[in-house]
N, C-alpha and C. Protein backbone atom coordinates (compact mmCIF):
# COMPACT_ATOMS: atom_id res chain seq x y z
N MET A 1 171.53 107.62 182.00
CA MET A 1 171.65 108.86 181.25
C MET A 1 170.44 109.06 180.33
N ASP A 2 170.03 107.99 179.72
CA ASP A 2 168.87 108.06 178.83
C ASP A 2 167.64 108.51 179.60
N GLN A 3 167.55 108.06 180.84
CA GLN A 3 166.40 108.44 181.67
C GLN A 3 166.47 109.93 182.03
N ALA A 4 167.65 110.48 182.24
CA ALA A 4 167.82 111.89 182.58
C ALA A 4 167.41 112.78 181.41
N VAL A 5 167.72 112.36 180.20
CA VAL A 5 167.32 113.13 179.01
C VAL A 5 165.81 113.12 178.88
N LYS A 6 165.21 111.97 179.11
CA LYS A 6 163.76 111.88 179.04
C LYS A 6 163.12 112.78 180.07
N LYS A 7 163.66 112.76 181.29
CA LYS A 7 163.12 113.57 182.38
C LYS A 7 163.23 115.05 182.05
N GLY A 8 164.34 115.49 181.46
CA GLY A 8 164.53 116.89 181.09
C GLY A 8 163.58 117.30 179.97
N ALA A 9 163.38 116.44 179.02
CA ALA A 9 162.48 116.74 177.91
C ALA A 9 161.05 116.85 178.40
N THR A 10 160.67 116.00 179.32
CA THR A 10 159.33 116.04 179.87
C THR A 10 159.11 117.34 180.63
N ARG A 11 160.09 117.74 181.43
CA ARG A 11 159.99 118.98 182.19
C ARG A 11 159.89 120.17 181.23
N ARG A 12 160.69 120.17 180.18
CA ARG A 12 160.69 121.25 179.21
C ARG A 12 159.33 121.31 178.49
N ASP A 13 158.81 120.16 178.09
CA ASP A 13 157.49 120.11 177.44
C ASP A 13 156.41 120.67 178.37
N PHE A 14 156.50 120.30 179.64
CA PHE A 14 155.53 120.80 180.62
C PHE A 14 155.60 122.33 180.73
N LEU A 15 156.81 122.87 180.76
CA LEU A 15 156.97 124.32 180.86
C LEU A 15 156.42 125.02 179.61
N TYR A 16 156.68 124.44 178.44
CA TYR A 16 156.14 125.03 177.20
C TYR A 16 154.60 125.01 177.20
N LEU A 17 154.03 123.89 177.58
CA LEU A 17 152.56 123.79 177.61
C LEU A 17 151.96 124.75 178.64
N THR A 18 152.58 124.84 179.79
CA THR A 18 152.09 125.75 180.84
C THR A 18 152.17 127.20 180.36
N ALA A 19 153.30 127.57 179.78
CA ALA A 19 153.46 128.94 179.29
C ALA A 19 152.44 129.24 178.18
N GLY A 20 152.24 128.28 177.29
CA GLY A 20 151.25 128.46 176.21
C GLY A 20 149.85 128.62 176.75
N ALA A 21 149.49 127.78 177.74
CA ALA A 21 148.15 127.87 178.34
C ALA A 21 147.96 129.21 179.04
N MET A 22 148.97 129.67 179.74
CA MET A 22 148.87 130.97 180.41
C MET A 22 148.74 132.10 179.39
N GLY A 23 149.41 131.96 178.26
CA GLY A 23 149.29 132.96 177.20
C GLY A 23 147.89 133.01 176.63
N VAL A 24 147.28 131.85 176.43
CA VAL A 24 145.91 131.79 175.91
C VAL A 24 144.95 132.41 176.91
N VAL A 25 145.09 132.07 178.19
CA VAL A 25 144.22 132.65 179.23
C VAL A 25 144.41 134.16 179.29
N GLY A 26 145.64 134.61 179.21
CA GLY A 26 145.91 136.06 179.24
C GLY A 26 145.31 136.77 178.04
N ALA A 27 145.47 136.20 176.86
CA ALA A 27 144.89 136.82 175.66
C ALA A 27 143.37 136.84 175.73
N GLY A 28 142.78 135.74 176.23
CA GLY A 28 141.32 135.69 176.36
C GLY A 28 140.81 136.73 177.35
N SER A 29 141.50 136.88 178.48
CA SER A 29 141.04 137.86 179.47
C SER A 29 141.26 139.28 178.98
N ALA A 30 142.24 139.49 178.13
CA ALA A 30 142.45 140.82 177.57
C ALA A 30 141.42 141.13 176.48
N ALA A 31 141.02 140.10 175.72
CA ALA A 31 140.07 140.30 174.62
C ALA A 31 138.63 140.38 175.11
N TRP A 32 138.31 139.79 176.25
CA TRP A 32 136.92 139.74 176.72
C TRP A 32 136.28 141.13 176.85
N PRO A 33 136.93 142.12 177.46
CA PRO A 33 136.29 143.45 177.54
C PRO A 33 135.96 144.03 176.16
N LEU A 34 136.84 143.80 175.20
CA LEU A 34 136.57 144.29 173.84
C LEU A 34 135.35 143.59 173.26
N ILE A 35 135.28 142.29 173.38
CA ILE A 35 134.15 141.53 172.85
C ILE A 35 132.86 141.93 173.57
N ASP A 36 132.92 142.07 174.89
CA ASP A 36 131.74 142.45 175.66
C ASP A 36 131.26 143.85 175.32
N SER A 37 132.16 144.73 174.95
CA SER A 37 131.77 146.10 174.60
C SER A 37 130.95 146.16 173.32
N MET A 38 130.98 145.09 172.53
CA MET A 38 130.22 145.06 171.28
C MET A 38 128.75 144.69 171.48
N ASN A 39 128.38 144.26 172.68
CA ASN A 39 126.98 143.98 172.99
C ASN A 39 126.21 145.30 173.08
N PRO A 40 124.95 145.31 172.67
CA PRO A 40 124.19 146.56 172.75
C PRO A 40 123.94 146.97 174.20
N ALA A 41 123.92 148.27 174.42
CA ALA A 41 123.66 148.80 175.76
C ALA A 41 122.18 148.65 176.10
N ALA A 42 121.85 148.76 177.37
CA ALA A 42 120.47 148.59 177.83
C ALA A 42 119.54 149.60 177.17
N ASP A 43 120.00 150.86 176.99
CA ASP A 43 119.13 151.86 176.36
C ASP A 43 118.90 151.54 174.89
N THR A 44 119.87 150.94 174.24
CA THR A 44 119.70 150.53 172.84
C THR A 44 118.70 149.39 172.74
N LEU A 45 118.79 148.42 173.65
CA LEU A 45 117.82 147.33 173.65
C LEU A 45 116.42 147.85 173.91
N ALA A 46 116.29 148.83 174.80
CA ALA A 46 114.98 149.41 175.08
C ALA A 46 114.42 150.11 173.85
N ALA A 47 115.27 150.77 173.08
CA ALA A 47 114.82 151.45 171.86
C ALA A 47 114.46 150.44 170.77
N GLY A 48 114.90 149.21 170.91
CA GLY A 48 114.63 148.17 169.92
C GLY A 48 113.26 147.53 170.07
N SER A 49 112.50 147.99 171.06
CA SER A 49 111.15 147.46 171.23
C SER A 49 110.21 148.61 171.56
N THR A 50 108.95 148.40 171.31
CA THR A 50 107.95 149.42 171.59
C THR A 50 106.61 148.76 171.90
N GLU A 51 105.81 149.44 172.69
CA GLU A 51 104.45 148.98 172.95
C GLU A 51 103.49 149.98 172.32
N VAL A 52 102.47 149.45 171.65
CA VAL A 52 101.53 150.30 170.93
C VAL A 52 100.11 149.98 171.42
N ASP A 53 99.38 151.03 171.77
CA ASP A 53 97.98 150.90 172.15
C ASP A 53 97.16 150.86 170.86
N ILE A 54 96.47 149.75 170.64
CA ILE A 54 95.70 149.58 169.40
C ILE A 54 94.19 149.68 169.66
N SER A 55 93.82 150.13 170.86
CA SER A 55 92.40 150.14 171.25
C SER A 55 91.54 151.07 170.39
N LYS A 56 92.13 152.12 169.84
CA LYS A 56 91.35 153.09 169.07
C LYS A 56 91.39 152.85 167.56
N VAL A 57 92.04 151.77 167.13
CA VAL A 57 92.12 151.47 165.70
C VAL A 57 90.88 150.69 165.31
N GLU A 58 90.00 151.34 164.56
CA GLU A 58 88.74 150.72 164.16
C GLU A 58 88.97 149.72 163.03
N VAL A 59 88.04 148.79 162.91
CA VAL A 59 88.11 147.79 161.84
C VAL A 59 88.15 148.52 160.50
N GLY A 60 89.11 148.13 159.66
CA GLY A 60 89.25 148.76 158.35
C GLY A 60 90.20 149.94 158.34
N SER A 61 90.74 150.32 159.48
CA SER A 61 91.67 151.45 159.52
C SER A 61 93.04 150.99 159.99
N ALA A 62 93.99 151.92 159.97
CA ALA A 62 95.37 151.57 160.27
C ALA A 62 96.00 152.61 161.19
N LEU A 63 97.11 152.22 161.77
CA LEU A 63 97.89 153.07 162.67
C LEU A 63 99.35 152.94 162.26
N THR A 64 100.06 154.04 162.28
CA THR A 64 101.49 154.00 162.01
C THR A 64 102.22 154.37 163.28
N ALA A 65 103.13 153.51 163.71
CA ALA A 65 103.98 153.76 164.88
C ALA A 65 105.42 153.77 164.39
N VAL A 66 106.36 153.93 165.31
CA VAL A 66 107.77 153.91 164.95
C VAL A 66 108.44 152.78 165.72
N TRP A 67 109.21 151.98 165.00
CA TRP A 67 109.97 150.89 165.60
C TRP A 67 111.35 150.87 164.98
N ARG A 68 112.38 150.99 165.80
CA ARG A 68 113.77 151.02 165.35
C ARG A 68 114.01 152.06 164.26
N GLY A 69 113.36 153.19 164.37
CA GLY A 69 113.54 154.28 163.42
C GLY A 69 112.79 154.12 162.11
N SER A 70 112.00 153.09 161.99
CA SER A 70 111.23 152.84 160.76
C SER A 70 109.74 152.85 161.07
N PRO A 71 108.92 153.14 160.05
CA PRO A 71 107.48 153.09 160.29
C PRO A 71 107.02 151.64 160.52
N LEU A 72 106.09 151.51 161.42
CA LEU A 72 105.48 150.22 161.74
C LEU A 72 104.02 150.34 161.35
N PHE A 73 103.58 149.53 160.39
CA PHE A 73 102.20 149.56 159.92
C PHE A 73 101.39 148.54 160.70
N ILE A 74 100.33 149.01 161.33
CA ILE A 74 99.41 148.14 162.06
C ILE A 74 98.03 148.37 161.45
N ARG A 75 97.46 147.34 160.89
CA ARG A 75 96.15 147.47 160.26
C ARG A 75 95.17 146.50 160.91
N HIS A 76 93.98 147.05 161.23
CA HIS A 76 92.88 146.26 161.78
C HIS A 76 92.03 145.84 160.58
N ARG A 77 92.22 144.62 160.13
CA ARG A 77 91.64 144.17 158.88
C ARG A 77 90.16 143.77 159.03
N THR A 78 89.44 143.98 157.95
CA THR A 78 88.03 143.60 157.91
C THR A 78 87.92 142.09 157.64
N PRO A 79 86.78 141.49 157.96
CA PRO A 79 86.59 140.07 157.63
C PRO A 79 86.76 139.79 156.13
N GLU A 80 86.35 140.72 155.28
CA GLU A 80 86.48 140.55 153.84
C GLU A 80 87.96 140.56 153.42
N GLU A 81 88.76 141.44 154.03
CA GLU A 81 90.19 141.48 153.72
C GLU A 81 90.87 140.18 154.15
N ILE A 82 90.51 139.69 155.32
CA ILE A 82 91.10 138.45 155.82
C ILE A 82 90.74 137.29 154.89
N LYS A 83 89.48 137.22 154.50
CA LYS A 83 89.03 136.15 153.61
C LYS A 83 89.78 136.21 152.27
N ALA A 84 89.94 137.41 151.73
CA ALA A 84 90.61 137.57 150.43
C ALA A 84 92.06 137.08 150.48
N VAL A 85 92.81 137.43 151.52
CA VAL A 85 94.22 137.02 151.56
C VAL A 85 94.39 135.57 151.97
N ARG A 86 93.40 135.01 152.64
CA ARG A 86 93.51 133.60 153.07
C ARG A 86 92.99 132.63 152.01
N ASP A 87 92.11 133.11 151.13
CA ASP A 87 91.55 132.24 150.09
C ASP A 87 92.42 132.15 148.84
N MET A 88 93.38 133.05 148.67
CA MET A 88 94.18 133.05 147.45
C MET A 88 95.30 132.01 147.52
N ASP A 89 95.83 131.63 146.36
CA ASP A 89 96.90 130.64 146.27
C ASP A 89 98.24 131.31 146.59
N TRP A 90 98.61 131.35 147.86
CA TRP A 90 99.82 132.03 148.30
C TRP A 90 101.09 131.30 147.85
N LYS A 91 101.00 130.02 147.53
CA LYS A 91 102.18 129.25 147.12
C LYS A 91 102.73 129.72 145.78
N SER A 92 101.91 130.42 144.99
CA SER A 92 102.35 130.90 143.69
C SER A 92 103.00 132.29 143.76
N LEU A 93 103.06 132.89 144.93
CA LEU A 93 103.63 134.23 145.08
C LEU A 93 105.15 134.22 144.95
N ARG A 94 105.71 135.36 144.64
CA ARG A 94 107.16 135.53 144.50
C ARG A 94 107.88 135.16 145.79
N ASP A 95 107.33 135.58 146.93
CA ASP A 95 107.87 135.26 148.25
C ASP A 95 106.75 134.55 149.00
N PRO A 96 106.59 133.23 148.79
CA PRO A 96 105.41 132.53 149.30
C PRO A 96 105.37 132.41 150.82
N GLN A 97 104.35 133.03 151.39
CA GLN A 97 104.06 132.92 152.82
C GLN A 97 102.55 132.99 152.98
N SER A 98 102.03 132.12 153.81
CA SER A 98 100.59 132.17 154.06
C SER A 98 100.29 133.32 155.02
N ASP A 99 99.08 133.81 154.95
CA ASP A 99 98.66 134.88 155.86
C ASP A 99 98.72 134.38 157.31
N GLU A 100 98.37 133.13 157.52
CA GLU A 100 98.39 132.56 158.87
C GLU A 100 99.80 132.59 159.47
N ASP A 101 100.82 132.43 158.63
CA ASP A 101 102.20 132.47 159.11
C ASP A 101 102.68 133.90 159.40
N ARG A 102 101.96 134.89 158.90
CA ARG A 102 102.38 136.28 159.08
C ARG A 102 101.62 137.00 160.19
N THR A 103 100.64 136.36 160.78
CA THR A 103 99.82 137.02 161.80
C THR A 103 99.65 136.14 163.03
N LEU A 104 99.44 136.78 164.17
CA LEU A 104 99.10 136.04 165.39
C LEU A 104 97.60 136.05 165.62
N LYS A 105 96.95 137.14 165.23
CA LYS A 105 95.50 137.26 165.27
C LYS A 105 95.08 137.70 163.87
N ALA A 106 94.13 137.00 163.30
CA ALA A 106 93.75 137.24 161.90
C ALA A 106 93.37 138.68 161.62
N GLU A 107 92.74 139.34 162.57
CA GLU A 107 92.26 140.70 162.32
C GLU A 107 93.36 141.76 162.33
N TRP A 108 94.57 141.41 162.78
CA TRP A 108 95.67 142.38 162.86
C TRP A 108 96.84 141.95 161.99
N ILE A 109 97.34 142.88 161.16
CA ILE A 109 98.59 142.67 160.46
C ILE A 109 99.56 143.73 160.98
N ILE A 110 100.74 143.30 161.35
CA ILE A 110 101.77 144.20 161.90
C ILE A 110 103.03 143.97 161.09
N ILE A 111 103.47 144.99 160.36
CA ILE A 111 104.62 144.87 159.47
C ILE A 111 105.47 146.14 159.53
N LYS A 112 106.73 145.98 159.18
CA LYS A 112 107.62 147.12 159.03
C LYS A 112 107.23 147.80 157.72
N GLY A 113 106.88 149.07 157.78
CA GLY A 113 106.35 149.79 156.62
C GLY A 113 107.42 150.30 155.68
N VAL A 114 108.21 149.38 155.15
CA VAL A 114 109.28 149.75 154.23
C VAL A 114 109.21 148.82 153.02
N CYS A 115 109.22 149.39 151.84
CA CYS A 115 109.22 148.61 150.60
C CYS A 115 110.52 147.82 150.51
N THR A 116 110.43 146.58 150.14
CA THR A 116 111.61 145.73 150.08
C THR A 116 112.42 145.90 148.80
N HIS A 117 112.00 146.81 147.94
CA HIS A 117 112.75 147.06 146.71
C HIS A 117 113.92 147.99 146.99
N LEU A 118 113.62 149.24 147.37
CA LEU A 118 114.69 150.20 147.64
C LEU A 118 114.48 150.96 148.94
N GLY A 119 113.60 150.47 149.81
CA GLY A 119 113.45 151.08 151.13
C GLY A 119 112.53 152.28 151.19
N CYS A 120 111.68 152.47 150.21
CA CYS A 120 110.71 153.56 150.23
C CYS A 120 109.61 153.22 151.24
N ILE A 121 108.79 154.21 151.56
CA ILE A 121 107.66 153.98 152.46
C ILE A 121 106.39 153.94 151.61
N PRO A 122 105.76 152.79 151.52
CA PRO A 122 104.56 152.65 150.69
C PRO A 122 103.37 153.45 151.23
N LEU A 123 102.46 153.78 150.34
CA LEU A 123 101.21 154.43 150.70
C LEU A 123 100.16 153.36 151.00
N GLY A 124 99.14 153.75 151.74
CA GLY A 124 98.04 152.84 152.03
C GLY A 124 97.61 152.87 153.49
N GLN A 125 98.28 153.65 154.29
CA GLN A 125 97.93 153.72 155.71
C GLN A 125 96.76 154.68 155.96
N LYS A 126 96.68 155.73 155.18
CA LYS A 126 95.64 156.75 155.39
C LYS A 126 94.46 156.50 154.46
N ALA A 127 93.29 156.90 154.92
CA ALA A 127 92.11 156.83 154.07
C ALA A 127 92.36 157.70 152.85
N GLY A 128 92.05 157.21 151.68
CA GLY A 128 92.25 157.96 150.46
C GLY A 128 93.59 157.71 149.78
N ASP A 129 94.53 157.06 150.50
CA ASP A 129 95.81 156.71 149.87
C ASP A 129 95.58 155.64 148.81
N PRO A 130 96.35 155.69 147.72
CA PRO A 130 96.27 154.58 146.76
C PRO A 130 96.82 153.32 147.41
N ARG A 131 96.10 152.22 147.24
CA ARG A 131 96.51 150.95 147.86
C ARG A 131 96.84 149.89 146.83
N GLY A 132 96.75 150.23 145.58
CA GLY A 132 97.08 149.27 144.54
C GLY A 132 95.95 148.29 144.27
N GLU A 133 96.22 147.43 143.36
CA GLU A 133 95.24 146.45 142.89
C GLU A 133 94.81 145.45 143.96
N PHE A 134 95.65 145.26 144.99
CA PHE A 134 95.38 144.22 145.99
C PHE A 134 94.94 144.79 147.33
N ASN A 135 94.59 146.10 147.36
CA ASN A 135 94.02 146.79 148.51
C ASN A 135 94.92 146.81 149.75
N GLY A 136 96.22 146.67 149.53
CA GLY A 136 97.15 146.69 150.66
C GLY A 136 97.94 147.97 150.71
N TRP A 137 99.17 147.92 150.20
CA TRP A 137 100.04 149.08 150.16
C TRP A 137 100.63 149.21 148.77
N PHE A 138 100.88 150.46 148.38
CA PHE A 138 101.39 150.77 147.06
C PHE A 138 102.60 151.67 147.19
N CYS A 139 103.72 151.27 146.60
CA CYS A 139 104.92 152.10 146.60
C CYS A 139 104.98 152.87 145.29
N PRO A 140 104.72 154.18 145.33
CA PRO A 140 104.67 154.96 144.10
C PRO A 140 106.03 155.16 143.43
N CYS A 141 107.10 154.94 144.16
CA CYS A 141 108.43 155.17 143.59
C CYS A 141 108.72 154.24 142.41
N HIS A 142 108.40 152.96 142.57
CA HIS A 142 108.71 151.99 141.52
C HIS A 142 107.56 151.05 141.20
N GLY A 143 106.41 151.27 141.84
CA GLY A 143 105.21 150.53 141.48
C GLY A 143 104.99 149.20 142.17
N SER A 144 105.67 148.93 143.27
CA SER A 144 105.44 147.67 143.98
C SER A 144 104.08 147.72 144.67
N GLU A 145 103.37 146.61 144.61
CA GLU A 145 102.05 146.51 145.24
C GLU A 145 102.03 145.32 146.20
N TYR A 146 101.50 145.56 147.38
CA TYR A 146 101.41 144.55 148.42
C TYR A 146 99.95 144.31 148.78
N ASP A 147 99.62 143.10 149.21
CA ASP A 147 98.25 142.83 149.65
C ASP A 147 98.10 143.19 151.13
N VAL A 148 96.93 142.93 151.72
CA VAL A 148 96.68 143.32 153.11
C VAL A 148 97.36 142.38 154.11
N SER A 149 98.21 141.51 153.61
CA SER A 149 99.07 140.70 154.46
C SER A 149 100.52 141.19 154.35
N GLY A 150 100.73 142.23 153.52
CA GLY A 150 102.07 142.77 153.32
C GLY A 150 102.92 141.92 152.39
N ARG A 151 102.27 141.07 151.58
CA ARG A 151 103.01 140.21 150.65
C ARG A 151 103.12 140.90 149.30
N ILE A 152 104.29 140.80 148.68
CA ILE A 152 104.51 141.42 147.38
C ILE A 152 103.67 140.68 146.33
N ARG A 153 102.92 141.46 145.56
CA ARG A 153 102.05 140.86 144.55
C ARG A 153 102.38 141.35 143.14
N LYS A 154 102.99 142.56 143.04
CA LYS A 154 103.24 143.14 141.72
C LYS A 154 104.36 144.17 141.87
N GLY A 155 105.18 144.30 140.85
CA GLY A 155 106.24 145.29 140.87
C GLY A 155 107.60 144.68 141.17
N PRO A 156 108.62 145.53 141.31
CA PRO A 156 110.00 145.04 141.41
C PRO A 156 110.44 144.54 142.79
N ALA A 157 109.67 144.78 143.83
CA ALA A 157 110.10 144.35 145.17
C ALA A 157 110.29 142.84 145.22
N PRO A 158 111.42 142.38 145.77
CA PRO A 158 111.69 140.94 145.76
C PRO A 158 111.05 140.16 146.90
N LEU A 159 110.76 140.83 148.01
CA LEU A 159 110.29 140.14 149.21
C LEU A 159 109.04 140.79 149.80
N ASN A 160 108.37 140.04 150.64
CA ASN A 160 107.24 140.58 151.41
C ASN A 160 107.77 141.60 152.41
N MET A 161 106.89 142.48 152.86
CA MET A 161 107.29 143.40 153.92
C MET A 161 107.57 142.59 155.19
N PHE A 162 108.55 143.04 155.95
CA PHE A 162 109.05 142.32 157.12
C PHE A 162 108.03 142.32 158.26
N VAL A 163 107.80 141.15 158.84
CA VAL A 163 106.96 141.02 160.03
C VAL A 163 107.90 140.93 161.23
N PRO A 164 107.89 141.94 162.10
CA PRO A 164 108.79 141.91 163.25
C PRO A 164 108.29 140.93 164.32
N PRO A 165 109.15 140.54 165.24
CA PRO A 165 108.67 139.74 166.36
C PRO A 165 107.75 140.60 167.22
N TYR A 166 106.60 140.07 167.58
CA TYR A 166 105.66 140.82 168.41
C TYR A 166 104.80 139.86 169.21
N LYS A 167 104.15 140.42 170.22
CA LYS A 167 103.17 139.65 170.99
C LYS A 167 102.12 140.61 171.52
N PHE A 168 100.94 140.08 171.74
CA PHE A 168 99.87 140.87 172.31
C PHE A 168 100.00 140.79 173.83
N VAL A 169 100.26 141.93 174.45
CA VAL A 169 100.37 142.01 175.90
C VAL A 169 98.98 141.92 176.52
N SER A 170 98.01 142.50 175.82
CA SER A 170 96.60 142.43 176.22
C SER A 170 95.78 142.54 174.94
N ASP A 171 94.47 142.66 175.08
CA ASP A 171 93.63 142.81 173.89
C ASP A 171 93.84 144.16 173.21
N THR A 172 94.41 145.12 173.92
CA THR A 172 94.54 146.47 173.38
C THR A 172 95.98 146.96 173.25
N VAL A 173 96.95 146.15 173.66
CA VAL A 173 98.35 146.57 173.59
C VAL A 173 99.18 145.48 172.93
N VAL A 174 100.02 145.90 171.96
CA VAL A 174 100.93 144.98 171.29
C VAL A 174 102.36 145.44 171.57
N HIS A 175 103.21 144.49 171.91
CA HIS A 175 104.63 144.76 172.16
C HIS A 175 105.42 144.28 170.94
N VAL A 176 106.15 145.18 170.33
CA VAL A 176 106.92 144.87 169.12
C VAL A 176 108.39 145.02 169.43
N GLY A 177 109.17 144.04 169.06
CA GLY A 177 110.61 144.12 169.26
C GLY A 177 111.17 142.84 169.80
N SER A 178 112.35 142.98 170.38
CA SER A 178 113.05 141.79 170.82
C SER A 178 112.42 141.19 172.07
N GLY A 179 112.57 139.90 172.18
CA GLY A 179 112.08 139.15 173.34
C GLY A 179 112.25 137.69 173.07
N HIS A 180 112.80 136.96 174.01
CA HIS A 180 113.10 135.54 173.78
C HIS A 180 111.84 134.68 173.72
N ASP A 181 110.75 135.16 174.33
CA ASP A 181 109.53 134.35 174.34
C ASP A 181 108.54 134.80 173.27
N PHE A 182 108.99 135.62 172.32
CA PHE A 182 108.10 136.12 171.29
C PHE A 182 107.93 135.10 170.19
N PRO A 183 106.71 134.97 169.71
CA PRO A 183 106.54 134.23 168.47
C PRO A 183 107.17 135.07 167.35
N ASN A 184 107.53 134.46 166.28
CA ASN A 184 108.18 135.20 165.21
C ASN A 184 107.46 134.93 163.89
N PRO A 185 106.28 135.54 163.72
CA PRO A 185 105.55 135.29 162.49
C PRO A 185 106.31 135.81 161.28
N GLY A 186 106.14 135.13 160.22
CA GLY A 186 106.72 135.61 158.97
C GLY A 186 108.17 135.25 158.74
N LEU A 187 108.81 134.61 159.68
CA LEU A 187 110.23 134.28 159.49
C LEU A 187 110.45 132.81 159.51
């Protein structure tokens, strides 16, 4: 009799475990379409990246493109600008990053053109724009000043301007946006 009770309990435990496992599988298969629907669509991923022809950007000038709905600042820096940002003590900055960590090629700086204080768009892309004390970008709304590496040097902005993931497709084209094989300067 004792053996019959054990056998019944074992069968009952097996049925409970089987029913529970089937419930988990059923819930998972019902939830998967919902979870999968939260992934970005192919057209959204395509909008998350852009290719920019930089062949006509002369040394000392800049180009503004659009990336993810925000301005993308691309500046072809002069040797003097590169020397100035690389020779300074970057470890003492509010958001310490070396220029080498923010660029893939020294002559090009590529940053999201948004002030990190309140999201304004700094001046400094056009000839004649005020660039502040550090010859980079100047946000007239609250007085933040960035150097030619996009690093915050003065004013209320807490962080450097964001360096997006990018790679040079060729000497004249840069691809900005998502990609698993992209270097990620600045992060």
